[in-house]
């Protein structure tokens, strides 16, 4: 049985907006998340915004996928922006000091403003 995709995309020449459709990004979903991100970023030539507004839980492997994805996009001289983290996840990212290496914005509007 084929799994439903975790990411849906809205693409334009300037930016790709990926929305995550998983409340919990851990266990069996981490491998799928990694595969979908690698597939989307392989040939990307635009900025990338990933919307976490529906995600409640994330494990360390998924955080590793985010860091690797951000590096892939930055190596192409584009921006990788995370938006929509709930207060709990935002605090975790801050305590792990991920806010120093990842661009994190409150919501999609704030993320889009960063691209102007």
Protein backbone atom coordinates (compact mmCIF):
# COMPACT_ATOMS: atom_id res chain seq x y z
CA UNK A 1 0.00 0.00 0.00
CA UNK A 2 1.38 3.40 -1.02
CA UNK A 3 1.76 6.03 1.69
CA UNK A 4 0.29 9.46 1.34
CA UNK A 5 2.88 12.18 0.71
CA UNK A 6 3.96 14.20 3.71
CA UNK A 7 4.68 17.34 1.66
CA UNK A 8 2.47 19.35 -0.63
CA UNK A 9 4.10 22.04 -2.75
CA UNK A 10 3.17 25.44 -4.07
CA UNK A 11 5.79 26.48 -6.61
CA UNK A 12 6.69 29.75 -8.28
CA UNK A 13 9.93 30.87 -9.96
CA UNK A 14 11.02 32.71 -6.79
CA UNK A 15 9.94 30.34 -4.02
CA UNK A 16 8.75 26.82 -3.28
CA UNK A 17 6.42 26.56 -0.29
CA UNK A 18 6.22 23.07 1.20
CA UNK A 19 3.48 22.26 3.71
CA UNK A 20 3.96 19.28 6.00
CA UNK A 21 0.96 17.01 6.48
CA UNK A 22 2.02 15.08 9.58
CA UNK A 23 1.25 15.97 13.16
CA UNK A 24 4.11 13.78 14.36
CA UNK A 25 7.34 13.76 12.40
CA UNK A 26 9.06 10.76 13.94
CA UNK A 27 9.53 6.99 13.68
CA UNK A 28 8.44 5.67 10.27
CA UNK A 29 7.74 9.16 8.92
CA UNK A 30 11.35 10.33 9.23
CA UNK A 31 12.61 8.19 6.34
CA UNK A 32 9.69 9.29 4.18
CA UNK A 33 10.31 12.94 5.11
CA UNK A 34 13.99 12.60 4.18
CA UNK A 35 13.18 10.97 0.83
CA UNK A 36 10.58 13.59 -0.08
CA UNK A 37 12.87 16.47 0.88
CA UNK A 38 15.78 15.04 -1.11
CA UNK A 39 13.50 14.56 -4.12
CA UNK A 40 12.22 18.15 -3.93
CA UNK A 41 15.61 19.76 -3.37
CA UNK A 42 17.61 17.81 -5.92
CA UNK A 43 17.06 20.34 -8.72
CA UNK A 44 15.63 23.31 -6.84
CA UNK A 45 16.64 26.75 -8.09
CA UNK A 46 14.30 28.81 -5.89
CA UNK A 47 14.05 29.80 -2.25
CA UNK A 48 12.39 27.17 -0.06
CA UNK A 49 9.90 27.72 2.76
CA UNK A 50 8.70 24.76 4.82
CA UNK A 51 5.52 25.21 6.84
CA UNK A 52 5.41 23.32 10.14
CA UNK A 53 2.09 24.75 11.32
CA UNK A 54 0.47 21.30 11.53
CA UNK A 55 3.39 19.55 13.24
CA UNK A 56 3.32 18.88 17.01
CA UNK A 57 6.28 16.51 17.46
CA UNK A 58 9.61 16.12 15.66
CA UNK A 59 12.52 13.79 16.42
CA UNK A 60 16.26 14.42 16.12
CA UNK A 61 16.52 12.54 12.81
CA UNK A 62 13.95 14.86 11.23
CA UNK A 63 15.87 17.85 12.61
CA UNK A 64 18.95 16.42 10.89
CA UNK A 65 16.97 16.30 7.64
CA UNK A 66 16.09 19.98 8.08
CA UNK A 67 19.72 20.96 8.65
CA UNK A 68 20.90 18.96 5.62
CA UNK A 69 18.09 20.43 3.51
CA UNK A 70 18.98 23.97 4.58
CA UNK A 71 22.61 23.34 3.61
CA UNK A 72 21.54 22.01 0.20
CA UNK A 73 19.46 25.12 -0.52
CA UNK A 74 22.10 27.53 0.82
CA UNK A 75 24.75 25.86 -1.36
CA UNK A 76 22.61 26.97 -4.30
CA UNK A 77 22.67 30.55 -2.92
CA UNK A 78 18.98 30.48 -1.99
CA UNK A 79 17.16 30.82 1.33
CA UNK A 80 15.70 27.97 3.38
CA UNK A 81 13.07 29.22 5.84
CA UNK A 82 11.08 27.31 8.45
CA UNK A 83 7.70 28.80 9.40
CA UNK A 84 4.78 27.88 11.61
CA UNK A 85 6.56 26.18 14.52
CA UNK A 86 4.23 25.91 17.50
CA UNK A 87 5.51 27.49 20.77
CA UNK A 88 6.71 24.11 22.10
CA UNK A 89 8.78 23.30 18.98
CA UNK A 90 10.01 26.87 18.74
CA UNK A 91 11.34 26.60 22.31
CA UNK A 92 13.04 23.27 21.53
CA UNK A 93 14.70 24.74 18.43
CA UNK A 94 15.84 27.74 20.49
CA UNK A 95 17.26 25.59 23.33
CA UNK A 96 19.12 23.48 20.77
CA UNK A 97 20.38 26.77 19.30
CA UNK A 98 19.00 25.79 15.92
CA UNK A 99 17.76 29.35 15.52
CA UNK A 100 21.42 30.28 14.99
CA UNK A 101 21.84 27.98 11.98
CA UNK A 102 18.30 27.81 10.59
CA UNK A 103 16.15 30.71 9.43
CA UNK A 104 12.97 30.44 11.54
CA UNK A 105 10.03 32.80 11.14
CA UNK A 106 6.67 32.93 12.91
CA UNK A 107 4.44 32.37 9.90
CA UNK A 108 4.32 32.25 6.12
CA UNK A 109 3.77 35.99 5.80
CA UNK A 110 6.90 36.73 7.85
CA UNK A 111 8.84 34.17 5.82
CA UNK A 112 7.75 35.73 2.53
CA UNK A 113 8.73 39.19 3.80
CA UNK A 114 12.27 37.90 4.30
CA UNK A 115 12.47 37.17 0.56
CA UNK A 116 11.67 40.73 -0.52
